[in-house]
Amino acid sequence: METIKLNINLSVNQLVEAVKQLSPKDRLKINDAIWSDNVEIPVEHQEIVLDRMAKAKANPKRLLDWDEVSKNL
């Protein structure tokens, strides 16, 4: 098994560039490792999202169009 030991500071962009230099097989391994974690979303966060979805469904006029909003940024 191939191992890599790093003890350096990298920016996110530098890390991305380093990963791009890996073989497709190793890039897939990294992708699988990142996305295979079972991240639990706290119940409080789930409730916030469900509440916002219910409000949007009950009153769709309260929603803003992203294209229009982004023009004002």
N, C-alpha and C. Protein backbone atom coordinates (compact mmCIF):
# COMPACT_ATOMS: atom_id res chain seq x y z
N MET A 1 0.83 -1.18 0.00
CA MET A 1 0.00 0.00 0.00
C MET A 1 0.88 1.25 0.00
N GLU A 2 0.57 2.16 -0.88
CA GLU A 2 1.33 3.39 -1.01
C GLU A 2 0.89 4.38 0.06
N THR A 3 1.86 4.99 0.74
CA THR A 3 1.52 5.98 1.76
C THR A 3 2.21 7.30 1.45
N ILE A 4 1.60 8.35 1.91
CA ILE A 4 2.17 9.68 1.75
C ILE A 4 2.16 10.34 3.12
N LYS A 5 3.30 10.86 3.54
CA LYS A 5 3.37 11.56 4.81
C LYS A 5 3.65 13.03 4.51
N LEU A 6 2.73 13.87 4.93
CA LEU A 6 2.87 15.31 4.72
C LEU A 6 2.89 16.02 6.06
N ASN A 7 3.78 16.96 6.19
CA ASN A 7 3.82 17.82 7.36
C ASN A 7 4.06 19.25 6.90
N ILE A 8 3.14 19.71 6.03
CA ILE A 8 3.28 21.04 5.46
C ILE A 8 1.93 21.74 5.48
N ASN A 9 1.96 23.04 5.46
CA ASN A 9 0.73 23.82 5.38
C ASN A 9 0.38 24.03 3.91
N LEU A 10 -0.86 23.75 3.57
CA LEU A 10 -1.34 23.92 2.20
C LEU A 10 -2.61 24.75 2.21
N SER A 11 -2.74 25.60 1.22
CA SER A 11 -4.03 26.26 1.03
C SER A 11 -4.95 25.25 0.35
N VAL A 12 -6.22 25.53 0.33
CA VAL A 12 -7.16 24.64 -0.35
C VAL A 12 -6.80 24.53 -1.82
N ASN A 13 -6.45 25.64 -2.44
CA ASN A 13 -6.08 25.62 -3.86
C ASN A 13 -4.85 24.75 -4.11
N GLN A 14 -3.87 24.84 -3.21
CA GLN A 14 -2.68 24.01 -3.34
C GLN A 14 -3.02 22.53 -3.18
N LEU A 15 -3.90 22.22 -2.25
CA LEU A 15 -4.33 20.84 -2.05
C LEU A 15 -5.04 20.31 -3.29
N VAL A 16 -5.91 21.12 -3.86
CA VAL A 16 -6.63 20.72 -5.08
C VAL A 16 -5.63 20.46 -6.19
N GLU A 17 -4.65 21.32 -6.35
CA GLU A 17 -3.65 21.12 -7.40
C GLU A 17 -2.84 19.85 -7.16
N ALA A 18 -2.54 19.55 -5.89
CA ALA A 18 -1.81 18.31 -5.57
C ALA A 18 -2.65 17.09 -5.92
N VAL A 19 -3.93 17.13 -5.59
CA VAL A 19 -4.82 16.00 -5.88
C VAL A 19 -4.95 15.80 -7.38
N LYS A 20 -4.97 16.88 -8.14
CA LYS A 20 -5.09 16.78 -9.60
C LYS A 20 -3.90 16.04 -10.21
N GLN A 21 -2.78 16.01 -9.50
CA GLN A 21 -1.59 15.33 -10.01
C GLN A 21 -1.63 13.82 -9.76
N LEU A 22 -2.58 13.36 -8.97
CA LEU A 22 -2.70 11.93 -8.69
C LEU A 22 -3.31 11.20 -9.87
N SER A 23 -3.15 9.90 -9.84
CA SER A 23 -3.75 9.06 -10.88
C SER A 23 -5.27 9.07 -10.70
N PRO A 24 -6.02 8.80 -11.76
CA PRO A 24 -7.48 8.73 -11.62
C PRO A 24 -7.92 7.75 -10.53
N LYS A 25 -7.22 6.64 -10.40
CA LYS A 25 -7.57 5.65 -9.38
C LYS A 25 -7.43 6.24 -7.97
N ASP A 26 -6.32 6.95 -7.73
CA ASP A 26 -6.10 7.55 -6.42
C ASP A 26 -7.06 8.71 -6.17
N ARG A 27 -7.40 9.45 -7.21
CA ARG A 27 -8.38 10.53 -7.07
C ARG A 27 -9.73 9.96 -6.66
N LEU A 28 -10.10 8.83 -7.24
CA LEU A 28 -11.36 8.18 -6.86
C LEU A 28 -11.33 7.71 -5.41
N LYS A 29 -10.18 7.21 -4.97
CA LYS A 29 -10.04 6.79 -3.57
C LYS A 29 -10.29 7.97 -2.63
N ILE A 30 -9.72 9.12 -2.98
CA ILE A 30 -9.91 10.31 -2.16
C ILE A 30 -11.37 10.73 -2.17
N ASN A 31 -11.98 10.72 -3.34
CA ASN A 31 -13.39 11.07 -3.46
C ASN A 31 -14.25 10.14 -2.59
N ASP A 32 -13.99 8.85 -2.67
CA ASP A 32 -14.75 7.89 -1.86
C ASP A 32 -14.55 8.14 -0.37
N ALA A 33 -13.32 8.45 0.03
CA ALA A 33 -13.05 8.69 1.44
C ALA A 33 -13.78 9.93 1.95
N ILE A 34 -13.84 10.96 1.12
CA ILE A 34 -14.50 12.20 1.52
C ILE A 34 -16.01 12.00 1.64
N TRP A 35 -16.61 11.35 0.65
CA TRP A 35 -18.06 11.27 0.59
C TRP A 35 -18.65 10.05 1.25
N SER A 36 -17.81 9.14 1.76
CA SER A 36 -18.36 7.94 2.40
C SER A 36 -18.66 8.15 3.88
N ASP A 37 -18.21 9.26 4.43
CA ASP A 37 -18.51 9.55 5.84
C ASP A 37 -20.01 9.73 6.02
N ASN A 38 -20.51 9.12 7.04
CA ASN A 38 -21.92 9.30 7.38
C ASN A 38 -22.04 10.51 8.29
N VAL A 39 -22.25 11.64 7.67
CA VAL A 39 -22.35 12.89 8.42
C VAL A 39 -23.78 13.01 8.93
N GLU A 40 -23.90 13.16 10.23
CA GLU A 40 -25.23 13.32 10.81
C GLU A 40 -25.57 14.80 10.89
N ILE A 41 -26.72 15.14 10.36
CA ILE A 41 -27.20 16.51 10.41
C ILE A 41 -27.98 16.66 11.71
N PRO A 42 -27.59 17.64 12.53
CA PRO A 42 -28.30 17.81 13.81
C PRO A 42 -29.79 18.03 13.59
N VAL A 43 -30.58 17.51 14.50
CA VAL A 43 -32.04 17.63 14.43
C VAL A 43 -32.45 19.09 14.33
N GLU A 44 -31.76 19.95 15.07
CA GLU A 44 -32.09 21.38 15.03
C GLU A 44 -31.96 21.95 13.63
N HIS A 45 -30.93 21.52 12.91
CA HIS A 45 -30.72 21.99 11.55
C HIS A 45 -31.80 21.44 10.62
N GLN A 46 -32.14 20.19 10.82
CA GLN A 46 -33.20 19.59 10.01
C GLN A 46 -34.51 20.34 10.21
N GLU A 47 -34.80 20.69 11.46
CA GLU A 47 -36.04 21.42 11.76
C GLU A 47 -36.06 22.79 11.10
N ILE A 48 -34.92 23.47 11.08
CA ILE A 48 -34.83 24.78 10.43
C ILE A 48 -35.15 24.64 8.94
N VAL A 49 -34.55 23.67 8.29
CA VAL A 49 -34.78 23.46 6.86
C VAL A 49 -36.24 23.12 6.59
N LEU A 50 -36.79 22.21 7.37
CA LEU A 50 -38.19 21.82 7.18
C LEU A 50 -39.13 23.01 7.40
N ASP A 51 -38.82 23.85 8.39
CA ASP A 51 -39.62 25.04 8.65
C ASP A 51 -39.56 26.01 7.46
N ARG A 52 -38.37 26.21 6.93
CA ARG A 52 -38.22 27.11 5.78
C ARG A 52 -38.93 26.57 4.55
N MET A 53 -38.87 25.27 4.36
CA MET A 53 -39.57 24.66 3.22
C MET A 53 -41.08 24.82 3.36
N ALA A 54 -41.58 24.65 4.56
CA ALA A 54 -43.01 24.79 4.80
C ALA A 54 -43.45 26.24 4.55
N LYS A 55 -42.66 27.20 5.02
CA LYS A 55 -42.98 28.62 4.79
C LYS A 55 -42.95 28.96 3.31
N ALA A 56 -41.99 28.42 2.58
CA ALA A 56 -41.90 28.68 1.15
C ALA A 56 -43.09 28.08 0.41
N LYS A 57 -43.48 26.89 0.83
CA LYS A 57 -44.62 26.23 0.19
C LYS A 57 -45.92 26.99 0.49
N ALA A 58 -46.06 27.48 1.71
CA ALA A 58 -47.27 28.20 2.11
C ALA A 58 -47.37 29.57 1.46
N ASN A 59 -46.23 30.19 1.20
CA ASN A 59 -46.23 31.54 0.63
C ASN A 59 -45.09 31.68 -0.39
N PRO A 60 -45.27 31.14 -1.59
CA PRO A 60 -44.19 31.18 -2.60
C PRO A 60 -43.78 32.59 -3.00
N LYS A 61 -44.65 33.57 -2.80
CA LYS A 61 -44.32 34.95 -3.18
C LYS A 61 -43.22 35.55 -2.32
N ARG A 62 -42.96 34.93 -1.15
CA ARG A 62 -41.92 35.45 -0.26
C ARG A 62 -40.52 35.09 -0.75
N LEU A 63 -40.45 34.19 -1.72
CA LEU A 63 -39.15 33.76 -2.24
C LEU A 63 -38.60 34.78 -3.22
N LEU A 64 -37.29 34.90 -3.24
CA LEU A 64 -36.64 35.81 -4.15
C LEU A 64 -35.97 35.03 -5.28
N ASP A 65 -35.97 35.60 -6.45
CA ASP A 65 -35.32 34.98 -7.59
C ASP A 65 -33.82 35.28 -7.52
N TRP A 66 -33.01 34.24 -7.55
CA TRP A 66 -31.57 34.42 -7.40
C TRP A 66 -30.97 35.33 -8.48
N ASP A 67 -31.41 35.18 -9.72
CA ASP A 67 -30.88 36.01 -10.80
C ASP A 67 -31.13 37.49 -10.52
N GLU A 68 -32.30 37.80 -10.00
CA GLU A 68 -32.61 39.20 -9.68
C GLU A 68 -31.81 39.69 -8.47
N VAL A 69 -31.70 38.85 -7.46
CA VAL A 69 -30.97 39.23 -6.25
C VAL A 69 -29.48 39.45 -6.59
N SER A 70 -28.92 38.54 -7.37
CA SER A 70 -27.48 38.63 -7.67
C SER A 70 -27.14 39.89 -8.45
N LYS A 71 -28.07 40.45 -9.18
CA LYS A 71 -27.82 41.70 -9.91
C LYS A 71 -27.58 42.86 -8.96
N ASN A 72 -28.14 42.78 -7.76
CA ASN A 72 -28.04 43.85 -6.79
C ASN A 72 -26.85 43.70 -5.82
N LEU A 73 -26.08 42.68 -6.01
CA LEU A 73 -24.94 42.46 -5.11
C LEU A 73 -23.73 43.26 -5.54
